[in-house]
Each structure stands twice: as structure tokens, then as C-alpha cells.
Amino acid sequence: NEIIKIPFCTGNEQLREKLLSKFKITKFNEITNIYEHKGIKSAFNAVNLNLSTNHAYILLLGLSGSGKSSTINFLFNKDITVTGDGKSQTKETIEFKAEINDSRLRIKNLGISIIDGPGLEDSKGIEEDAKNILCYKRFLESHPQLASVRPNVIMIVADLNDTRLGDSENVETPFARMLKGIKF
């Protein structure tokens, strides 16, 4: 095997070896012009950040009734989950999966998962919030892939008219403090 200089990870031999083994690259001619390929650079960066490289995981977080489930229906362009017109509906963490094949974008077999779970700061109080956060944590720790990698995107869904987000005088709301406490 030849030593390959990859500009965005040169100097970090451990990362270089991890990347090369992850993509099963053994010879220099297999990666001609690799530095210029945005997709490869993005995949290398994903490995460096401990994100999935062949499946996109999007974790939705937000207050109860903020529209997380409606967002899923919008993103998948069909009603696949129950919505509650501003009222909390989701009681457990659920993964919605799809596969993307788009010849125009040269995408084949890209898996995408959107993870929905119970909202925070519902009317049941802080004990329920603690249970909901634990529900997310257990889901991520027991997931076959997410136990070893982090979600690629964490999307905060919010209704900007929701008073639980605070006002101009209340800079740090309980929701913001909860987000700071969640470790992924």
C-alpha cells in the first residue's frame, strides 16, 4: 500500500488509516482526483465526525405540538404519521426510513431515516420531559447503527409563536437549557 496524502486529513495518520479502510482504498490509482470530489470529501468529513457515511440520520427535536410529525409528513410528501394540530401525539421514538435513487443527482441506494419522538415541555411537567429525553437516549443507544455513530443532522422544529420559547426578555428558556444538557 502506498501512502496517500489527503489534504484535509494530512498529519493525522490514525484518521487517514480509518478513512482508507472504511472506503476499502488500497491503491493510489483508485483515488485519482479524490481531493476534488465533493462527495468523497464530504464522506471523509463524516467519518472524521463519527457520522454515518452511507445512510443519513435526521433526528427531530422540539417542544410538544411544535410540528415534528407534520414535518415528517411534509418531507416524505405523504401522511405517514399522526399529527395533532398543535397537540402532542407522539408517545415513543420512531424511525421513518426511505431509500433515495435519483439518476439526475447520481444518487443510488442512499438510505435516509428521520427519527421522531415525544416533544419536550408538554403539560405533564418536567418528569415527563426527563422520560422523553431518556426515550431518545435509549433509542439511540440500542439502534444497530446509531449506537456507534451520531445522527447526521439534528433538526430543531419550533412554532415561533409558542410562548414556551420565551420572549425578548427571557433569553434562556427551559427548552434551551434542556437542549444544552442533551449529550449526543
C-alpha atoms as a PDB file:
ATOM      1  CA  ASN A   1       0.000   0.000   0.000  1.00  0.00           C
ATOM      2  CA  GLU A   2       1.233   3.451  -0.898  1.00  0.00           C
ATOM      3  CA  ILE A   3       0.927   6.388   1.485  1.00  0.00           C
ATOM      4  CA  ILE A   4      -1.781   8.666   0.205  1.00  0.00           C
ATOM      5  CA  LYS A   5      -1.745  12.363   1.073  1.00  0.00           C
ATOM      6  CA  ILE A   6      -5.283  13.563   1.572  1.00  0.00           C
ATOM      7  CA  PRO A   7      -5.070  17.337   2.133  1.00  0.00           C
ATOM      8  CA  PHE A   8      -7.929  17.611   4.596  1.00  0.00           C
ATOM      9  CA  CYS A   9      -6.596  14.889   6.912  1.00  0.00           C
ATOM     10  CA  THR A  10      -2.833  15.004   6.291  1.00  0.00           C
ATOM     11  CA  GLY A  11      -0.913  14.841   9.550  1.00  0.00           C
ATOM     12  CA  ASN A  12      -3.477  12.628  11.249  1.00  0.00           C
ATOM     13  CA  GLU A  13      -2.282   9.128  10.347  1.00  0.00           C
ATOM     14  CA  GLN A  14      -4.882   7.404  12.513  1.00  0.00           C
ATOM     15  CA  LEU A  15      -7.700   9.242  10.713  1.00  0.00           C
ATOM     16  CA  ARG A  16      -6.119   8.539   7.309  1.00  0.00           C
ATOM     17  CA  GLU A  17      -5.953   4.797   8.049  1.00  0.00           C
ATOM     18  CA  LYS A  18      -9.536   4.800   9.300  1.00  0.00           C
ATOM     19  CA  LEU A  19     -10.721   6.540   6.130  1.00  0.00           C
ATOM     20  CA  LEU A  20      -8.768   4.290   3.802  1.00  0.00           C
ATOM     21  CA  SER A  21     -10.062   1.123   5.465  1.00  0.00           C
ATOM     22  CA  LYS A  22     -13.625   2.466   5.611  1.00  0.00           C
ATOM     23  CA  PHE A  23     -13.656   3.053   1.858  1.00  0.00           C
ATOM     24  CA  LYS A  24     -11.521  -0.028   1.084  1.00  0.00           C
ATOM     25  CA  ILE A  25      -8.964   2.025  -0.839  1.00  0.00           C
ATOM     26  CA  THR A  26      -5.700   0.147  -1.341  1.00  0.00           C
ATOM     27  CA  LYS A  27      -4.012   1.743  -4.336  1.00  0.00           C
ATOM     28  CA  PHE A  28      -3.343   5.298  -5.393  1.00  0.00           C
ATOM     29  CA  ASN A  29      -4.961   4.836  -8.823  1.00  0.00           C
ATOM     30  CA  GLU A  30      -8.268   4.064  -7.107  1.00  0.00           C
ATOM     31  CA  ILE A  31      -8.461   7.609  -5.790  1.00  0.00           C
ATOM     32  CA  THR A  32      -7.305   9.716  -8.721  1.00  0.00           C
ATOM     33  CA  ASN A  33      -8.633  13.256  -8.208  1.00  0.00           C
ATOM     34  CA  ILE A  34     -10.235  12.225  -4.921  1.00  0.00           C
ATOM     35  CA  TYR A  35      -9.394  15.568  -3.334  1.00  0.00           C
ATOM     36  CA  GLU A  36     -11.580  17.401  -5.832  1.00  0.00           C
ATOM     37  CA  HIS A  37     -14.672  15.230  -5.446  1.00  0.00           C
ATOM     38  CA  LYS A  38     -17.124  16.970  -3.091  1.00  0.00           C
ATOM     39  CA  GLY A  39     -18.969  13.754  -2.279  1.00  0.00           C
ATOM     40  CA  ILE A  40     -15.794  11.926  -1.234  1.00  0.00           C
ATOM     41  CA  LYS A  41     -14.593  14.891   0.805  1.00  0.00           C
ATOM     42  CA  SER A  42     -17.996  15.031   2.493  1.00  0.00           C
ATOM     43  CA  ALA A  43     -17.819  11.298   3.274  1.00  0.00           C
ATOM     44  CA  PHE A  44     -14.304  11.680   4.707  1.00  0.00           C
ATOM     45  CA  ASN A  45     -15.528  14.546   6.885  1.00  0.00           C
ATOM     46  CA  ALA A  46     -18.463  12.409   8.042  1.00  0.00           C
ATOM     47  CA  VAL A  47     -16.070   9.650   9.147  1.00  0.00           C
ATOM     48  CA  ASN A  48     -13.956  12.229  10.966  1.00  0.00           C
ATOM     49  CA  LEU A  49     -17.061  13.492  12.825  1.00  0.00           C
ATOM     50  CA  ASN A  50     -18.277   9.931  13.549  1.00  0.00           C
ATOM     51  CA  LEU A  51     -21.349  10.296  11.323  1.00  0.00           C
ATOM     52  CA  SER A  52     -22.855   7.652   9.066  1.00  0.00           C
ATOM     53  CA  THR A  53     -21.387   7.752   5.561  1.00  0.00           C
ATOM     54  CA  ASN A  54     -23.937   5.654   3.689  1.00  0.00           C
ATOM     55  CA  HIS A  55     -27.182   6.472   5.474  1.00  0.00           C
ATOM     56  CA  ALA A  56     -28.458   9.897   6.527  1.00  0.00           C
ATOM     57  CA  TYR A  57     -29.958  10.047  10.006  1.00  0.00           C
ATOM     58  CA  ILE A  58     -32.027  13.125  10.867  1.00  0.00           C
ATOM     59  CA  LEU A  59     -33.111  13.493  14.498  1.00  0.00           C
ATOM     60  CA  LEU A  60     -36.067  15.815  15.109  1.00  0.00           C
ATOM     61  CA  LEU A  61     -36.261  17.637  18.442  1.00  0.00           C
ATOM     62  CA  GLY A  62     -38.745  20.240  19.602  1.00  0.00           C
ATOM     63  CA  LEU A  63     -41.433  21.207  22.036  1.00  0.00           C
ATOM     64  CA  SER A  64     -44.585  19.109  22.189  1.00  0.00           C
ATOM     65  CA  GLY A  65     -47.041  20.076  19.483  1.00  0.00           C
ATOM     66  CA  SER A  66     -44.398  22.018  17.533  1.00  0.00           C
ATOM     67  CA  GLY A  67     -44.933  20.147  14.268  1.00  0.00           C
ATOM     68  CA  LYS A  68     -42.267  17.424  14.264  1.00  0.00           C
ATOM     69  CA  SER A  69     -44.683  14.813  12.897  1.00  0.00           C
ATOM     70  CA  SER A  70     -46.100  17.302  10.371  1.00  0.00           C
ATOM     71  CA  THR A  71     -42.521  17.969   9.255  1.00  0.00           C
ATOM     72  CA  ILE A  72     -42.048  14.236   8.616  1.00  0.00           C
ATOM     73  CA  ASN A  73     -45.250  14.099   6.559  1.00  0.00           C
ATOM     74  CA  PHE A  74     -44.038  17.118   4.572  1.00  0.00           C
ATOM     75  CA  LEU A  75     -40.553  15.693   3.971  1.00  0.00           C
ATOM     76  CA  PHE A  76     -41.913  12.331   2.788  1.00  0.00           C
ATOM     77  CA  ASN A  77     -44.718  14.063   0.852  1.00  0.00           C
ATOM     78  CA  LYS A  78     -47.404  11.795   2.358  1.00  0.00           C
ATOM     79  CA  ASP A  79     -49.240  11.247   5.622  1.00  0.00           C
ATOM     80  CA  ILE A  80     -47.194   8.540   7.305  1.00  0.00           C
ATOM     81  CA  THR A  81     -47.554   9.677  10.912  1.00  0.00           C
ATOM     82  CA  VAL A  82     -50.370  11.065  13.051  1.00  0.00           C
ATOM     83  CA  THR A  83     -50.458  14.817  13.630  1.00  0.00           C
ATOM     84  CA  GLY A  84     -52.364  16.665  16.310  1.00  0.00           C
ATOM     85  CA  ASP A  85     -52.946  20.278  15.235  1.00  0.00           C
ATOM     86  CA  GLY A  86     -50.651  21.723  17.901  1.00  0.00           C
ATOM     87  CA  LYS A  87     -51.231  18.927  20.419  1.00  0.00           C
ATOM     88  CA  SER A  88     -48.664  16.293  21.314  1.00  0.00           C
ATOM     89  CA  GLN A  89     -49.308  12.976  19.532  1.00  0.00           C
ATOM     90  CA  THR A  90     -46.015  11.062  19.545  1.00  0.00           C
ATOM     91  CA  LYS A  91     -45.510   8.874  22.617  1.00  0.00           C
ATOM     92  CA  GLU A  92     -42.386   6.923  21.632  1.00  0.00           C
ATOM     93  CA  THR A  93     -39.310   7.346  19.457  1.00  0.00           C
ATOM     94  CA  ILE A  94     -39.969   6.137  15.911  1.00  0.00           C
ATOM     95  CA  GLU A  95     -37.703   5.850  12.866  1.00  0.00           C
ATOM     96  CA  PHE A  96     -39.107   6.502   9.393  1.00  0.00           C
ATOM     97  CA  LYS A  97     -36.929   5.116   6.586  1.00  0.00           C
ATOM     98  CA  ALA A  98     -36.712   5.709   2.854  1.00  0.00           C
ATOM     99  CA  GLU A  99     -34.275   4.999   0.059  1.00  0.00           C
ATOM    100  CA  ILE A 100     -33.316   7.655  -2.459  1.00  0.00           C
ATOM    101  CA  ASN A 101     -32.463   6.836  -6.061  1.00  0.00           C
ATOM    102  CA  ASP A 102     -32.073   9.869  -8.302  1.00  0.00           C
ATOM    103  CA  SER A 103     -30.313   9.465 -11.632  1.00  0.00           C
ATOM    104  CA  ARG A 104     -30.187  13.254 -12.168  1.00  0.00           C
ATOM    105  CA  LEU A 105     -28.122  13.657  -8.993  1.00  0.00           C
ATOM    106  CA  ARG A 106     -26.313  10.332  -9.492  1.00  0.00           C
ATOM    107  CA  ILE A 107     -27.593   9.036  -6.166  1.00  0.00           C
ATOM    108  CA  LYS A 108     -28.140   5.299  -5.795  1.00  0.00           C
ATOM    109  CA  ASN A 109     -29.401   3.468  -2.738  1.00  0.00           C
ATOM    110  CA  LEU A 110     -28.956   6.329  -0.270  1.00  0.00           C
ATOM    111  CA  GLY A 111     -30.770   5.434   2.902  1.00  0.00           C
ATOM    112  CA  ILE A 112     -32.412   8.200   4.884  1.00  0.00           C
ATOM    113  CA  SER A 113     -34.030   7.930   8.292  1.00  0.00           C
ATOM    114  CA  ILE A 114     -35.973  10.597  10.110  1.00  0.00           C
ATOM    115  CA  ILE A 115     -36.309   9.964  13.821  1.00  0.00           C
ATOM    116  CA  ASP A 116     -39.333  11.408  15.610  1.00  0.00           C
ATOM    117  CA  GLY A 117     -40.015  11.265  19.303  1.00  0.00           C
ATOM    118  CA  PRO A 118     -42.078  12.806  22.055  1.00  0.00           C
ATOM    119  CA  GLY A 119     -41.924  16.567  22.374  1.00  0.00           C
ATOM    120  CA  LEU A 120     -40.493  18.401  25.336  1.00  0.00           C
ATOM    121  CA  GLU A 121     -42.214  20.779  27.761  1.00  0.00           C
ATOM    122  CA  ASP A 122     -45.662  19.315  27.435  1.00  0.00           C
ATOM    123  CA  SER A 123     -48.333  19.834  30.079  1.00  0.00           C
ATOM    124  CA  LYS A 124     -47.249  16.756  32.099  1.00  0.00           C
ATOM    125  CA  GLY A 125     -44.229  18.538  33.586  1.00  0.00           C
ATOM    126  CA  ILE A 126     -40.503  18.086  33.957  1.00  0.00           C
ATOM    127  CA  GLU A 127     -40.726  14.419  34.977  1.00  0.00           C
ATOM    128  CA  GLU A 128     -42.309  13.645  31.601  1.00  0.00           C
ATOM    129  CA  ASP A 129     -39.549  15.622  29.864  1.00  0.00           C
ATOM    130  CA  ALA A 130     -36.947  13.505  31.657  1.00  0.00           C
ATOM    131  CA  LYS A 131     -38.725  10.329  30.475  1.00  0.00           C
ATOM    132  CA  ASN A 132     -38.880  11.665  26.912  1.00  0.00           C
ATOM    133  CA  ILE A 133     -35.169  12.528  26.846  1.00  0.00           C
ATOM    134  CA  LEU A 134     -34.399   9.064  28.225  1.00  0.00           C
ATOM    135  CA  CYS A 135     -36.612   7.610  25.463  1.00  0.00           C
ATOM    136  CA  TYR A 136     -34.440   9.333  22.821  1.00  0.00           C
ATOM    137  CA  LYS A 137     -31.244   8.245  24.586  1.00  0.00           C
ATOM    138  CA  ARG A 138     -32.298   4.578  24.805  1.00  0.00           C
ATOM    139  CA  PHE A 139     -33.380   4.584  21.170  1.00  0.00           C
ATOM    140  CA  LEU A 140     -30.020   5.939  20.007  1.00  0.00           C
ATOM    141  CA  GLU A 141     -28.008   3.586  22.251  1.00  0.00           C
ATOM    142  CA  SER A 142     -29.922   0.479  21.127  1.00  0.00           C
ATOM    143  CA  HIS A 143     -30.124   1.363  17.422  1.00  0.00           C
ATOM    144  CA  PRO A 144     -27.988  -1.011  15.291  1.00  0.00           C
ATOM    145  CA  GLN A 145     -26.154   1.872  13.575  1.00  0.00           C
ATOM    146  CA  LEU A 146     -26.678   4.896  15.823  1.00  0.00           C
ATOM    147  CA  ALA A 147     -25.119   3.095  18.768  1.00  0.00           C
ATOM    148  CA  SER A 148     -21.753   3.596  17.028  1.00  0.00           C
ATOM    149  CA  VAL A 149     -22.295   6.826  15.036  1.00  0.00           C
ATOM    150  CA  ARG A 150     -24.055  10.116  15.693  1.00  0.00           C
ATOM    151  CA  PRO A 151     -27.064  11.444  13.758  1.00  0.00           C
ATOM    152  CA  ASN A 152     -26.000  13.363  10.644  1.00  0.00           C
ATOM    153  CA  VAL A 153     -28.473  16.180  11.331  1.00  0.00           C
ATOM    154  CA  ILE A 154     -30.311  17.320  14.437  1.00  0.00           C
ATOM    155  CA  MET A 155     -33.267  19.404  13.331  1.00  0.00           C
ATOM    156  CA  ILE A 156     -34.974  21.638  15.881  1.00  0.00           C
ATOM    157  CA  VAL A 157     -38.640  22.066  14.956  1.00  0.00           C
ATOM    158  CA  ALA A 158     -40.336  25.042  16.581  1.00  0.00           C
ATOM    159  CA  ASP A 159     -43.503  27.071  16.352  1.00  0.00           C
ATOM    160  CA  LEU A 160     -42.096  30.578  16.638  1.00  0.00           C
ATOM    161  CA  ASN A 161     -45.371  31.792  18.170  1.00  0.00           C
ATOM    162  CA  ASP A 162     -45.067  29.312  21.051  1.00  0.00           C
ATOM    163  CA  THR A 163     -44.693  31.207  24.337  1.00  0.00           C
ATOM    164  CA  ARG A 164     -42.623  28.336  25.764  1.00  0.00           C
ATOM    165  CA  LEU A 165     -39.750  29.554  23.573  1.00  0.00           C
ATOM    166  CA  GLY A 166     -39.634  32.749  25.637  1.00  0.00           C
ATOM    167  CA  ASP A 167     -39.753  36.393  24.722  1.00  0.00           C
ATOM    168  CA  SER A 168     -37.227  39.173  24.196  1.00  0.00           C
ATOM    169  CA  GLU A 169     -36.559  39.433  27.945  1.00  0.00           C
ATOM    170  CA  ASN A 170     -36.289  35.678  28.601  1.00  0.00           C
ATOM    171  CA  VAL A 171     -33.154  34.782  26.638  1.00  0.00           C
ATOM    172  CA  GLU A 172     -32.590  31.281  28.038  1.00  0.00           C
ATOM    173  CA  THR A 173     -35.790  29.285  28.288  1.00  0.00           C
ATOM    174  CA  PRO A 174     -36.207  25.910  29.992  1.00  0.00           C
ATOM    175  CA  PHE A 175     -36.225  24.339  26.500  1.00  0.00           C
ATOM    176  CA  ALA A 176     -32.861  25.929  25.679  1.00  0.00           C
ATOM    177  CA  ARG A 177     -31.416  24.677  28.981  1.00  0.00           C
ATOM    178  CA  MET A 178     -32.693  21.162  28.218  1.00  0.00           C
ATOM    179  CA  LEU A 179     -31.028  21.219  24.790  1.00  0.00           C
ATOM    180  CA  LYS A 180     -27.721  22.210  26.389  1.00  0.00           C
ATOM    181  CA  GLY A 181     -27.960  19.211  28.709  1.00  0.00           C
ATOM    182  CA  ILE A 182     -28.507  16.611  25.980  1.00  0.00           C
ATOM    183  CA  LYS A 183     -25.241  14.885  25.045  1.00  0.00           C
ATOM    184  CA  PHE A 184     -25.092  13.093  21.694  1.00  0.00           C
END
